[in-house]
Amino acid sequence: MTGVEPLRRLLTLQRRRLIGTFLGYAELKVYPNLTQEQQDEFRTEFLDAVGAYHELMLDIVQANDEETVIINPEAMALLRDIRADLRRREG
């Protein structure tokens, strides 16, 4: 496993949790107020935005040589907070 592989896995896990939590909430609280067409558009826009952000993060990780990867402690703390919040919500 390369030096960046654990970070790639973390980003992928976080993306899955984000999508699951957000779409679960949307199905319960948002979708009942939307037509099927609006629901499809909402879901597509959300998934496109998350996908674009995720791809950017993976590109940044890949662009770094495994010997020169610098992990920003503040960014890692934010990711840990997001992960903890998602786990609480999954409860």
C-alpha atoms as a PDB file:
ATOM      1  CA  MET A   1       0.000   0.000   0.000  1.00  0.00           C
ATOM      2  CA  THR A   2       1.399   3.385  -0.955  1.00  0.00           C
ATOM      3  CA  GLY A   3       1.665   6.310   1.415  1.00  0.00           C
ATOM      4  CA  VAL A   4      -1.397   7.974  -0.114  1.00  0.00           C
ATOM      5  CA  GLU A   5      -3.610   4.891  -0.238  1.00  0.00           C
ATOM      6  CA  PRO A   6      -4.947   5.234   3.337  1.00  0.00           C
ATOM      7  CA  LEU A   7      -5.960   8.818   2.581  1.00  0.00           C
ATOM      8  CA  ARG A   8      -7.694   7.735  -0.630  1.00  0.00           C
ATOM      9  CA  ARG A   9      -9.617   5.097   1.317  1.00  0.00           C
ATOM     10  CA  LEU A  10     -10.575   7.637   3.982  1.00  0.00           C
ATOM     11  CA  LEU A  11     -11.867  10.043   1.345  1.00  0.00           C
ATOM     12  CA  THR A  12     -13.919   7.291  -0.281  1.00  0.00           C
ATOM     13  CA  LEU A  13     -15.429   6.188   3.038  1.00  0.00           C
ATOM     14  CA  GLN A  14     -16.286   9.775   3.911  1.00  0.00           C
ATOM     15  CA  ARG A  15     -17.938  10.275   0.513  1.00  0.00           C
ATOM     16  CA  ARG A  16     -20.085   7.176   0.996  1.00  0.00           C
ATOM     17  CA  ARG A  17     -21.168   8.278   4.462  1.00  0.00           C
ATOM     18  CA  LEU A  18     -21.933  11.796   3.265  1.00  0.00           C
ATOM     19  CA  ILE A  19     -24.055  10.545   0.401  1.00  0.00           C
ATOM     20  CA  GLY A  20     -25.892   7.999   2.536  1.00  0.00           C
ATOM     21  CA  THR A  21     -26.647  10.451   5.315  1.00  0.00           C
ATOM     22  CA  PHE A  22     -27.643  13.306   3.042  1.00  0.00           C
ATOM     23  CA  LEU A  23     -29.833  11.277   0.710  1.00  0.00           C
ATOM     24  CA  GLY A  24     -31.426   9.462   3.642  1.00  0.00           C
ATOM     25  CA  TYR A  25     -32.399  12.797   5.121  1.00  0.00           C
ATOM     26  CA  ALA A  26     -33.582  14.087   1.739  1.00  0.00           C
ATOM     27  CA  GLU A  27     -35.833  11.059   1.240  1.00  0.00           C
ATOM     28  CA  LEU A  28     -37.489  11.627   4.611  1.00  0.00           C
ATOM     29  CA  LYS A  29     -37.709  15.409   4.760  1.00  0.00           C
ATOM     30  CA  VAL A  30     -37.253  16.902   1.291  1.00  0.00           C
ATOM     31  CA  TYR A  31     -38.564  14.464  -1.297  1.00  0.00           C
ATOM     32  CA  PRO A  32     -42.150  14.369   0.016  1.00  0.00           C
ATOM     33  CA  ASN A  33     -42.423  18.030  -1.036  1.00  0.00           C
ATOM     34  CA  LEU A  34     -41.042  17.473  -4.536  1.00  0.00           C
ATOM     35  CA  THR A  35     -42.319  15.916  -7.732  1.00  0.00           C
ATOM     36  CA  GLN A  36     -40.494  12.858  -9.068  1.00  0.00           C
ATOM     37  CA  GLU A  37     -38.802  15.030 -11.671  1.00  0.00           C
ATOM     38  CA  GLN A  38     -37.623  17.482  -8.990  1.00  0.00           C
ATOM     39  CA  GLN A  39     -36.397  14.604  -6.827  1.00  0.00           C
ATOM     40  CA  ASP A  40     -34.365  13.213  -9.719  1.00  0.00           C
ATOM     41  CA  GLU A  41     -32.896  16.634 -10.489  1.00  0.00           C
ATOM     42  CA  PHE A  42     -32.056  17.259  -6.812  1.00  0.00           C
ATOM     43  CA  ARG A  43     -30.354  13.866  -6.493  1.00  0.00           C
ATOM     44  CA  THR A  44     -28.396  14.303  -9.725  1.00  0.00           C
ATOM     45  CA  GLU A  45     -27.192  17.793  -8.773  1.00  0.00           C
ATOM     46  CA  PHE A  46     -26.139  16.610  -5.330  1.00  0.00           C
ATOM     47  CA  LEU A  47     -24.309  13.525  -6.605  1.00  0.00           C
ATOM     48  CA  ASP A  48     -22.591  15.551  -9.344  1.00  0.00           C
ATOM     49  CA  ALA A  49     -21.356  18.107  -6.809  1.00  0.00           C
ATOM     50  CA  VAL A  50     -20.103  15.481  -4.359  1.00  0.00           C
ATOM     51  CA  GLY A  51     -18.538  13.498  -7.181  1.00  0.00           C
ATOM     52  CA  ALA A  52     -16.689  16.536  -8.548  1.00  0.00           C
ATOM     53  CA  TYR A  53     -15.363  17.434  -5.106  1.00  0.00           C
ATOM     54  CA  HIS A  54     -14.337  13.843  -4.414  1.00  0.00           C
ATOM     55  CA  GLU A  55     -12.505  13.569  -7.742  1.00  0.00           C
ATOM     56  CA  LEU A  56     -10.676  16.815  -6.995  1.00  0.00           C
ATOM     57  CA  MET A  57      -9.570  15.490  -3.619  1.00  0.00           C
ATOM     58  CA  LEU A  58      -8.384  12.223  -5.167  1.00  0.00           C
ATOM     59  CA  ASP A  59      -6.483  14.160  -7.842  1.00  0.00           C
ATOM     60  CA  ILE A  60      -4.782  16.261  -5.171  1.00  0.00           C
ATOM     61  CA  VAL A  61      -3.806  13.137  -3.260  1.00  0.00           C
ATOM     62  CA  GLN A  62      -2.546  11.440  -6.425  1.00  0.00           C
ATOM     63  CA  ALA A  63      -0.572  14.505  -7.482  1.00  0.00           C
ATOM     64  CA  ASN A  64       1.523  14.292  -4.343  1.00  0.00           C
ATOM     65  CA  ASP A  65       4.524  12.039  -4.355  1.00  0.00           C
ATOM     66  CA  GLU A  66       4.110   9.575  -1.484  1.00  0.00           C
ATOM     67  CA  GLU A  67       7.327  10.826   0.066  1.00  0.00           C
ATOM     68  CA  THR A  68       6.209  14.440   0.036  1.00  0.00           C
ATOM     69  CA  VAL A  69       2.600  14.155   1.132  1.00  0.00           C
ATOM     70  CA  ILE A  70       1.786  16.832   3.658  1.00  0.00           C
ATOM     71  CA  ILE A  71      -1.365  16.337   5.658  1.00  0.00           C
ATOM     72  CA  ASN A  72      -2.867  19.531   6.992  1.00  0.00           C
ATOM     73  CA  PRO A  73      -3.716  18.919  10.676  1.00  0.00           C
ATOM     74  CA  GLU A  74      -6.670  21.296  10.506  1.00  0.00           C
ATOM     75  CA  ALA A  75      -8.110  19.497   7.487  1.00  0.00           C
ATOM     76  CA  MET A  76      -7.659  16.128   9.190  1.00  0.00           C
ATOM     77  CA  ALA A  77      -9.374  17.459  12.334  1.00  0.00           C
ATOM     78  CA  LEU A  78     -12.272  18.659  10.203  1.00  0.00           C
ATOM     79  CA  LEU A  79     -12.535  15.258   8.513  1.00  0.00           C
ATOM     80  CA  ARG A  80     -12.527  13.560  11.935  1.00  0.00           C
ATOM     81  CA  ASP A  81     -15.311  15.900  13.119  1.00  0.00           C
ATOM     82  CA  ILE A  82     -17.378  15.163  10.010  1.00  0.00           C
ATOM     83  CA  ARG A  83     -16.833  11.451  10.481  1.00  0.00           C
ATOM     84  CA  ALA A  84     -17.861  11.624  14.150  1.00  0.00           C
ATOM     85  CA  ASP A  85     -20.990  13.598  13.254  1.00  0.00           C
ATOM     86  CA  LEU A  86     -21.934  11.105  10.556  1.00  0.00           C
ATOM     87  CA  ARG A  87     -21.476   8.208  12.963  1.00  0.00           C
ATOM     88  CA  ARG A  88     -23.708   9.934  15.520  1.00  0.00           C
ATOM     89  CA  ARG A  89     -26.380  10.411  12.855  1.00  0.00           C
ATOM     90  CA  GLU A  90     -26.098   6.780  11.725  1.00  0.00           C
ATOM     91  CA  GLY A  91     -26.440   5.892  15.422  1.00  0.00           C
END
